[in-house]
């Protein structure tokens, strides 16, 4: 039981490291065209005033939830 949980944690850690490197590289070089949608979906709420900014990324959260759910489903199928 613990070996399966350990494998899952290692895989999640590797994915997190890859995602972190991916984000750091694109912060330095600029966001490529295929990533411009991130944070700019129709359900993302942005309110900007003179001294106030509010951002609530509902659409981006939904898309990331679907992607992560699919990845975890695949990882679960591979492990078992």
C-alpha atoms as a PDB file:
ATOM      1  CA  UNK A   1       0.000   0.000   0.000  1.00  0.00           C
ATOM      2  CA  UNK A   2       2.733   2.475   0.886  1.00  0.00           C
ATOM      3  CA  UNK A   3       4.728   1.653  -2.224  1.00  0.00           C
ATOM      4  CA  UNK A   4       1.782   2.663  -4.436  1.00  0.00           C
ATOM      5  CA  UNK A   5       1.348   5.909  -2.542  1.00  0.00           C
ATOM      6  CA  UNK A   6       5.084   6.511  -2.797  1.00  0.00           C
ATOM      7  CA  UNK A   7       5.032   5.984  -6.559  1.00  0.00           C
ATOM      8  CA  UNK A   8       2.118   8.390  -6.901  1.00  0.00           C
ATOM      9  CA  UNK A   9       3.916  11.030  -4.838  1.00  0.00           C
ATOM     10  CA  UNK A  10       7.081  10.660  -6.901  1.00  0.00           C
ATOM     11  CA  UNK A  11       5.140  11.027 -10.154  1.00  0.00           C
ATOM     12  CA  UNK A  12       3.250  14.058  -8.835  1.00  0.00           C
ATOM     13  CA  UNK A  13       6.557  15.563  -7.693  1.00  0.00           C
ATOM     14  CA  UNK A  14       8.162  15.035 -11.096  1.00  0.00           C
ATOM     15  CA  UNK A  15       5.168  16.623 -12.832  1.00  0.00           C
ATOM     16  CA  UNK A  16       5.312  19.574 -10.420  1.00  0.00           C
ATOM     17  CA  UNK A  17       9.034  20.085 -11.069  1.00  0.00           C
ATOM     18  CA  UNK A  18       8.511  19.952 -14.844  1.00  0.00           C
ATOM     19  CA  UNK A  19       5.631  22.440 -14.586  1.00  0.00           C
ATOM     20  CA  UNK A  20       7.761  24.747 -12.426  1.00  0.00           C
ATOM     21  CA  UNK A  21      10.665  24.676 -14.876  1.00  0.00           C
ATOM     22  CA  UNK A  22       8.212  25.265 -17.723  1.00  0.00           C
ATOM     23  CA  UNK A  23       6.803  28.352 -15.979  1.00  0.00           C
ATOM     24  CA  UNK A  24      10.244  29.730 -15.049  1.00  0.00           C
ATOM     25  CA  UNK A  25      11.530  29.384 -18.612  1.00  0.00           C
ATOM     26  CA  UNK A  26       8.514  31.141 -20.081  1.00  0.00           C
ATOM     27  CA  UNK A  27       8.739  33.917 -17.493  1.00  0.00           C
ATOM     28  CA  UNK A  28      12.241  34.696 -18.729  1.00  0.00           C
ATOM     29  CA  UNK A  29      11.617  34.280 -22.466  1.00  0.00           C
ATOM     30  CA  UNK A  30       8.044  35.495 -22.755  1.00  0.00           C
ATOM     31  CA  UNK A  31       4.810  33.606 -23.162  1.00  0.00           C
ATOM     32  CA  UNK A  32       4.518  31.762 -26.490  1.00  0.00           C
ATOM     33  CA  UNK A  33       1.376  31.954 -28.615  1.00  0.00           C
ATOM     34  CA  UNK A  34      -0.134  28.669 -27.461  1.00  0.00           C
ATOM     35  CA  UNK A  35      -0.111  29.819 -23.794  1.00  0.00           C
ATOM     36  CA  UNK A  36      -1.760  33.238 -24.264  1.00  0.00           C
ATOM     37  CA  UNK A  37      -5.172  31.759 -23.368  1.00  0.00           C
ATOM     38  CA  UNK A  38      -3.962  31.027 -19.841  1.00  0.00           C
ATOM     39  CA  UNK A  39      -5.693  33.576 -17.605  1.00  0.00           C
ATOM     40  CA  UNK A  40      -7.710  35.106 -20.435  1.00  0.00           C
ATOM     41  CA  UNK A  41     -10.656  32.744 -20.795  1.00  0.00           C
ATOM     42  CA  UNK A  42     -14.247  34.036 -21.048  1.00  0.00           C
ATOM     43  CA  UNK A  43     -15.142  33.126 -17.443  1.00  0.00           C
ATOM     44  CA  UNK A  44     -12.089  34.860 -15.946  1.00  0.00           C
ATOM     45  CA  UNK A  45     -13.287  37.925 -14.053  1.00  0.00           C
ATOM     46  CA  UNK A  46     -11.029  41.000 -14.199  1.00  0.00           C
ATOM     47  CA  UNK A  47     -11.938  44.288 -12.550  1.00  0.00           C
ATOM     48  CA  UNK A  48      -9.428  47.152 -12.739  1.00  0.00           C
ATOM     49  CA  UNK A  49      -9.910  50.584 -11.245  1.00  0.00           C
ATOM     50  CA  UNK A  50      -7.488  53.344 -10.324  1.00  0.00           C
ATOM     51  CA  UNK A  51      -6.348  51.889  -7.012  1.00  0.00           C
ATOM     52  CA  UNK A  52      -8.010  48.474  -7.083  1.00  0.00           C
ATOM     53  CA  UNK A  53      -7.511  45.272  -9.081  1.00  0.00           C
ATOM     54  CA  UNK A  54      -9.529  42.099  -8.738  1.00  0.00           C
ATOM     55  CA  UNK A  55      -8.904  38.891 -10.680  1.00  0.00           C
ATOM     56  CA  UNK A  56     -10.892  35.689 -10.255  1.00  0.00           C
ATOM     57  CA  UNK A  57      -9.892  32.985 -12.805  1.00  0.00           C
ATOM     58  CA  UNK A  58     -12.995  30.759 -12.890  1.00  0.00           C
ATOM     59  CA  UNK A  59     -12.536  29.625 -16.514  1.00  0.00           C
ATOM     60  CA  UNK A  60      -8.849  28.901 -16.102  1.00  0.00           C
ATOM     61  CA  UNK A  61      -9.570  26.969 -12.897  1.00  0.00           C
ATOM     62  CA  UNK A  62     -12.135  24.809 -14.681  1.00  0.00           C
ATOM     63  CA  UNK A  63      -9.742  24.037 -17.554  1.00  0.00           C
ATOM     64  CA  UNK A  64      -6.885  23.201 -15.171  1.00  0.00           C
ATOM     65  CA  UNK A  65      -9.203  21.003 -13.105  1.00  0.00           C
ATOM     66  CA  UNK A  66     -10.216  19.010 -16.181  1.00  0.00           C
ATOM     67  CA  UNK A  67      -6.598  18.637 -17.332  1.00  0.00           C
ATOM     68  CA  UNK A  68      -5.336  17.585 -13.894  1.00  0.00           C
ATOM     69  CA  UNK A  69      -8.241  15.165 -13.421  1.00  0.00           C
ATOM     70  CA  UNK A  70      -7.412  13.525 -16.757  1.00  0.00           C
ATOM     71  CA  UNK A  71      -3.699  13.314 -15.884  1.00  0.00           C
ATOM     72  CA  UNK A  72      -4.426  11.772 -12.495  1.00  0.00           C
ATOM     73  CA  UNK A  73      -6.822   9.310 -14.148  1.00  0.00           C
ATOM     74  CA  UNK A  74      -4.056   8.274 -16.564  1.00  0.00           C
ATOM     75  CA  UNK A  75      -1.532   7.962 -13.736  1.00  0.00           C
ATOM     76  CA  UNK A  76      -4.001   5.816 -11.787  1.00  0.00           C
ATOM     77  CA  UNK A  77      -4.482   3.522 -14.807  1.00  0.00           C
ATOM     78  CA  UNK A  78      -0.714   3.220 -15.355  1.00  0.00           C
ATOM     79  CA  UNK A  79       0.042   2.406 -11.716  1.00  0.00           C
ATOM     80  CA  UNK A  80      -2.615  -0.296 -11.429  1.00  0.00           C
END
